[in-house]
Amino acid sequence: MFLDTLPAPLDEADGSDAWADFRVSSPAEILAYLKPLLEAALPFGISAPSGAAFTTCLWSIDHARNTLSFAADGPSQPIQAIVQAGTAVAVAYDDHIKFQLPLSDLVLVQGQQAASLQCSIPKELYRFQRRNSFRAKPPARGGPTLRLRHPDNPSLVMALRVLDLSTGGCGLQLPPDAPPIAEGSRIADARLELDLDVRLMLGLEVRRVSEMLDAQGQPVGIRLSCEWQGQNGQAERALQHYVDNLQKRRRMLAMRGG
């Protein structure tokens, strides 16, 4: 689960590399992601393992010297503590994407007009989907399916089309002739079939029930807006990976004009 103010915990005690799908290690790609953050003057939260933290913005990217500079005109105590720590993590948001950068070789540079926190351009960064902020729409055909037992009739197993999907929840289409499912219903052990190879067991709660209409205003079903309940780290990473791939495909289609 990724909090807005904290870096995601990336260390794996068992030595696995579960976050590899979200890592960017190409120098050209890293610069391509950093430049819009610089141009938009988006806020960065920089924190050290000790807990020292402050908010700033990216000031400059010096490709020739392989350095980044962050504005450092805030309170001096946390900035000094971060420099003394030697390493830190920077977190920024651009729309629905959370960027996380490990920082090293930290140096506080005092200029005549302002101070800056300089560091090496990171050799990697991570891109995460912000939780509950964006729901990707899968293709109408061949998209994910959610199989569940009706909360009022456990003997009834239903396969519902997934209308949209995020790491925090999903939208489901309940056919018009299906038994209704009430708001507040909790369903355990629902099986989300993302594709032929990825199937996740998840719990969910129905947060909102609304009617779905077609272009002519005719009812075509009921929309169930649901929130995942108690998913583990593996399930969240699989959801993150699926949503991220949907976004990549959408961007590629937009670039091709399709």
Protein backbone atom coordinates (compact mmCIF):
# COMPACT_ATOMS: atom_id res chain seq x y z
CA MET A 1 0.00 0.00 0.00
CA PHE A 2 1.55 3.31 -1.04
CA LEU A 3 0.93 6.33 1.15
CA ASP A 4 1.02 9.77 -0.41
CA THR A 5 3.72 11.03 1.95
CA LEU A 6 5.97 8.01 2.31
CA PRO A 7 8.22 6.02 0.00
CA ALA A 8 7.14 2.46 -0.78
CA PRO A 9 9.18 -0.16 1.14
CA LEU A 10 11.21 -1.85 -1.61
CA ASP A 11 13.50 -4.07 0.44
CA GLU A 12 12.74 -7.79 0.21
CA ALA A 13 13.99 -9.81 3.17
CA ASP A 14 14.15 -13.00 1.11
CA GLY A 15 16.32 -11.40 -1.59
CA SER A 16 13.57 -11.51 -4.23
CA ASP A 17 13.05 -8.74 -6.75
CA ALA A 18 9.29 -8.31 -6.58
CA TRP A 19 9.40 -4.66 -7.70
CA ALA A 20 11.36 -5.22 -10.91
CA ASP A 21 8.27 -4.57 -13.06
CA PHE A 22 8.10 -0.99 -11.75
CA ARG A 23 11.80 -0.16 -12.00
CA VAL A 24 13.26 2.08 -14.71
CA SER A 25 17.01 1.68 -15.13
CA SER A 26 17.66 3.10 -18.59
CA PRO A 27 19.48 6.48 -18.23
CA ALA A 28 17.54 7.91 -21.19
CA GLU A 29 14.18 6.84 -19.71
CA ILE A 30 15.09 8.19 -16.29
CA LEU A 31 15.85 11.61 -17.79
CA ALA A 32 12.65 11.45 -19.87
CA TYR A 33 10.61 10.98 -16.68
CA LEU A 34 12.51 13.59 -14.66
CA LYS A 35 12.28 16.43 -17.19
CA PRO A 36 8.46 16.86 -16.96
CA LEU A 37 8.71 16.83 -13.15
CA LEU A 38 11.32 19.61 -13.41
CA GLU A 39 9.34 21.66 -15.95
CA ALA A 40 6.11 21.43 -13.95
CA ALA A 41 7.89 22.33 -10.68
CA LEU A 42 6.08 19.47 -8.98
CA PRO A 43 6.72 19.07 -5.24
CA PHE A 44 9.08 16.35 -4.04
CA GLY A 45 9.11 14.84 -0.59
CA ILE A 46 12.67 13.93 0.40
CA SER A 47 13.22 11.73 3.43
CA ALA A 48 16.14 9.94 5.09
CA PRO A 49 16.04 6.57 6.90
CA SER A 50 16.25 8.47 10.20
CA GLY A 51 12.87 10.09 9.51
CA ALA A 52 14.18 13.55 8.63
CA ALA A 53 12.13 14.95 5.76
CA PHE A 54 11.27 18.13 3.88
CA THR A 55 9.31 19.17 0.79
CA THR A 56 10.95 20.87 -2.17
CA CYS A 57 11.05 20.87 -5.96
CA LEU A 58 13.57 19.75 -8.55
CA TRP A 59 15.68 22.75 -9.51
CA SER A 60 17.94 21.50 -12.29
CA ILE A 61 19.24 18.45 -14.15
CA ASP A 62 22.90 18.60 -15.16
CA HIS A 63 23.43 15.70 -17.50
CA ALA A 64 27.06 16.58 -18.16
CA ARG A 65 27.95 16.51 -14.44
CA ASN A 66 25.46 13.70 -13.71
CA THR A 67 23.77 15.67 -10.95
CA LEU A 68 20.33 16.73 -9.80
CA SER A 69 19.73 19.87 -7.76
CA PHE A 70 16.76 20.37 -5.43
CA ALA A 71 15.83 23.70 -3.90
CA ALA A 72 17.03 23.74 -0.27
CA ASP A 73 15.65 26.95 1.18
CA GLY A 74 13.47 25.22 3.76
CA PRO A 75 14.19 24.51 7.44
CA SER A 76 17.91 23.78 7.80
CA GLN A 77 17.67 21.07 10.49
CA PRO A 78 16.00 18.32 8.37
CA ILE A 79 18.10 19.23 5.33
CA GLN A 80 21.32 18.92 7.33
CA ALA A 81 20.12 15.62 8.79
CA ILE A 82 19.43 14.27 5.31
CA VAL A 83 22.88 15.34 4.08
CA GLN A 84 24.51 13.69 7.09
CA ALA A 85 22.58 10.47 6.40
CA GLY A 86 24.25 10.26 3.01
CA THR A 87 21.26 8.62 1.31
CA ALA A 88 17.61 9.56 0.95
CA VAL A 89 14.48 8.82 -1.05
CA ALA A 90 12.58 11.39 -3.13
CA VAL A 91 8.89 10.94 -3.96
CA ALA A 92 6.84 12.98 -6.43
CA TYR A 93 3.49 12.64 -8.17
CA ASP A 94 2.54 13.39 -11.74
CA ASP A 95 -1.17 12.88 -12.33
CA HIS A 96 -1.84 9.27 -11.31
CA ILE A 97 1.79 8.15 -11.17
CA LYS A 98 4.02 8.07 -8.11
CA PHE A 99 7.75 8.40 -8.82
CA GLN A 100 10.27 7.19 -6.26
CA LEU A 101 13.98 7.95 -6.59
CA PRO A 102 16.87 6.74 -4.39
CA LEU A 103 19.30 9.63 -3.80
CA SER A 104 23.00 9.33 -3.00
CA ASP A 105 26.13 11.52 -2.86
CA LEU A 106 24.14 14.28 -1.16
CA VAL A 107 25.78 17.68 -0.85
CA LEU A 108 24.31 20.97 0.41
CA VAL A 109 25.52 23.85 -1.80
CA GLN A 110 25.16 27.40 -0.47
CA GLY A 111 24.87 30.00 -3.23
CA GLN A 112 24.71 33.79 -2.98
CA GLN A 113 20.96 33.86 -3.55
CA ALA A 114 19.79 30.37 -2.55
CA ALA A 115 20.87 26.92 -1.40
CA SER A 116 20.50 23.64 -3.23
CA LEU A 117 20.66 19.99 -2.32
CA GLN A 118 22.71 18.20 -4.97
CA CYS A 119 23.01 14.48 -5.63
CA SER A 120 23.94 12.07 -8.38
CA ILE A 121 21.32 11.33 -11.01
CA PRO A 122 19.87 8.03 -9.76
CA LYS A 123 20.67 4.86 -11.64
CA GLU A 124 17.07 3.75 -11.23
CA LEU A 125 13.64 5.05 -10.36
CA TYR A 126 10.29 3.44 -9.66
CA ARG A 127 6.87 4.23 -11.11
CA PHE A 128 3.79 3.27 -9.10
CA GLN A 129 0.09 3.71 -9.72
CA ARG A 130 -1.41 5.89 -7.01
CA ARG A 131 -3.84 3.82 -4.98
CA ASN A 132 -7.55 4.52 -5.59
CA SER A 133 -6.80 7.48 -7.85
CA PHE A 134 -7.17 6.01 -11.31
CA ARG A 135 -9.14 3.14 -12.77
CA ALA A 136 -8.00 1.71 -16.06
CA LYS A 137 -10.62 0.45 -18.51
CA PRO A 138 -9.79 -3.01 -19.89
CA PRO A 139 -10.84 -3.94 -23.44
CA ALA A 140 -14.51 -4.90 -23.83
CA ARG A 141 -13.52 -8.24 -25.34
CA GLY A 142 -11.06 -10.52 -23.64
CA GLY A 143 -10.89 -8.34 -20.54
CA PRO A 144 -10.76 -9.51 -16.91
CA THR A 145 -13.57 -11.46 -15.28
CA LEU A 146 -14.44 -11.67 -11.60
CA ARG A 147 -15.97 -14.92 -10.36
CA LEU A 148 -17.80 -14.75 -7.04
CA ARG A 149 -20.51 -16.36 -4.96
CA HIS A 150 -23.66 -14.26 -4.52
CA PRO A 151 -23.59 -12.90 -0.95
CA ASP A 152 -27.25 -13.87 -0.35
CA ASN A 153 -27.06 -17.21 -2.15
CA PRO A 154 -23.58 -18.80 -1.86
CA SER A 155 -24.61 -21.68 -4.12
CA LEU A 156 -24.95 -19.19 -7.01
CA VAL A 157 -21.57 -18.63 -8.70
CA MET A 158 -21.45 -15.60 -11.01
CA ALA A 159 -18.89 -14.47 -13.60
CA LEU A 160 -19.04 -10.67 -13.92
CA ARG A 161 -17.37 -8.45 -16.47
CA VAL A 162 -14.79 -6.02 -15.04
CA LEU A 163 -15.60 -2.51 -16.31
CA ASP A 164 -12.59 -0.78 -14.76
CA LEU A 165 -9.79 -1.70 -12.43
CA SER A 166 -7.30 -0.17 -10.01
CA THR A 167 -5.09 -1.30 -7.16
CA GLY A 168 -7.84 -0.13 -4.80
CA GLY A 169 -10.97 -1.54 -6.39
CA CYS A 170 -12.98 -2.29 -9.51
CA GLY A 171 -16.25 -1.67 -11.30
CA LEU A 172 -18.37 -4.72 -12.17
CA GLN A 173 -21.33 -5.17 -14.51
CA LEU A 174 -24.22 -7.12 -13.01
CA PRO A 175 -26.60 -8.33 -15.76
CA PRO A 176 -30.18 -6.95 -15.60
CA ASP A 177 -31.67 -10.38 -14.90
CA ALA A 178 -29.20 -11.27 -12.13
CA PRO A 179 -30.23 -11.25 -8.44
CA PRO A 180 -29.40 -7.84 -6.97
CA ILE A 181 -26.39 -7.27 -4.73
CA ALA A 182 -26.84 -4.60 -2.08
CA GLU A 183 -24.48 -1.78 -1.16
CA GLY A 184 -22.28 -2.76 1.75
CA SER A 185 -22.19 -6.43 0.76
CA ARG A 186 -18.87 -8.11 1.53
CA ILE A 187 -17.68 -10.98 -0.61
CA ALA A 188 -14.73 -13.19 0.33
CA ASP A 189 -12.65 -15.35 -1.99
CA ALA A 190 -13.66 -13.72 -5.26
CA ARG A 191 -11.44 -14.88 -8.12
CA LEU A 192 -10.15 -12.16 -10.42
CA GLU A 193 -9.01 -13.59 -13.76
CA LEU A 194 -6.79 -10.93 -15.29
CA ASP A 195 -5.73 -13.21 -18.13
CA LEU A 196 -5.09 -16.90 -18.78
CA ASP A 197 -2.03 -16.93 -16.52
CA VAL A 198 -2.86 -14.48 -13.71
CA ARG A 199 -5.68 -15.30 -11.30
CA LEU A 200 -6.00 -13.63 -7.90
CA MET A 201 -8.13 -14.50 -4.89
CA LEU A 202 -9.44 -11.28 -3.37
CA GLY A 203 -12.06 -10.03 -0.98
CA LEU A 204 -14.22 -7.04 -1.85
CA GLU A 205 -16.91 -4.73 -0.52
CA VAL A 206 -19.64 -3.23 -2.70
CA ARG A 207 -19.49 0.50 -2.03
CA ARG A 208 -22.01 1.77 -4.58
CA VAL A 209 -24.76 0.32 -6.79
CA SER A 210 -25.99 2.27 -9.83
CA GLU A 211 -27.96 1.62 -13.01
CA MET A 212 -26.13 1.36 -16.35
CA LEU A 213 -27.82 2.76 -19.48
CA ASP A 214 -26.93 2.47 -23.15
CA ALA A 215 -26.78 5.36 -25.67
CA GLN A 216 -30.56 5.18 -26.09
CA GLY A 217 -31.17 5.33 -22.36
CA GLN A 218 -32.09 1.66 -22.04
CA PRO A 219 -30.90 -0.29 -18.98
CA VAL A 220 -28.08 -2.71 -19.75
CA GLY A 221 -27.23 -3.79 -16.23
CA ILE A 222 -26.19 -2.66 -12.79
CA ARG A 223 -22.79 -1.24 -11.96
CA LEU A 224 -21.19 -2.39 -8.74
CA SER A 225 -18.40 -0.07 -7.55
CA CYS A 226 -16.23 -2.21 -5.30
CA GLU A 227 -13.22 -1.84 -3.03
CA TRP A 228 -10.69 -4.61 -2.51
CA GLN A 229 -10.44 -5.94 1.01
CA GLY A 230 -7.29 -7.44 2.52
CA GLN A 231 -5.25 -8.06 -0.63
CA ASN A 232 -1.68 -9.14 0.01
CA GLY A 233 1.47 -7.66 -1.50
CA GLN A 234 1.60 -10.18 -4.32
CA ALA A 235 -1.97 -9.38 -5.41
CA GLU A 236 -1.35 -5.64 -5.22
CA ARG A 237 1.79 -5.94 -7.35
CA ALA A 238 -0.11 -8.01 -9.94
CA LEU A 239 -2.87 -5.38 -10.07
CA GLN A 240 -0.31 -2.59 -10.32
CA HIS A 241 1.46 -4.38 -13.17
CA TYR A 242 -1.79 -4.95 -15.08
CA VAL A 243 -2.98 -1.34 -14.72
CA ASP A 244 0.46 -0.03 -15.70
CA ASN A 245 0.45 -2.14 -18.87
CA LEU A 246 -3.01 -0.84 -19.79
CA GLN A 247 -1.72 2.71 -19.47
CA LYS A 248 1.31 1.95 -21.60
CA ARG A 249 -0.89 0.51 -24.36
CA ARG A 250 -3.15 3.56 -24.21
CA ARG A 251 -0.16 5.92 -24.54
CA MET A 252 1.21 3.93 -27.49
CA LEU A 253 -2.15 4.05 -29.27
CA ALA A 254 -2.38 7.80 -28.66
CA MET A 255 1.10 8.31 -30.10
CA ARG A 256 0.12 6.32 -33.18
CA GLY A 257 -3.04 8.34 -33.57
CA GLY A 258 -5.24 5.37 -32.86
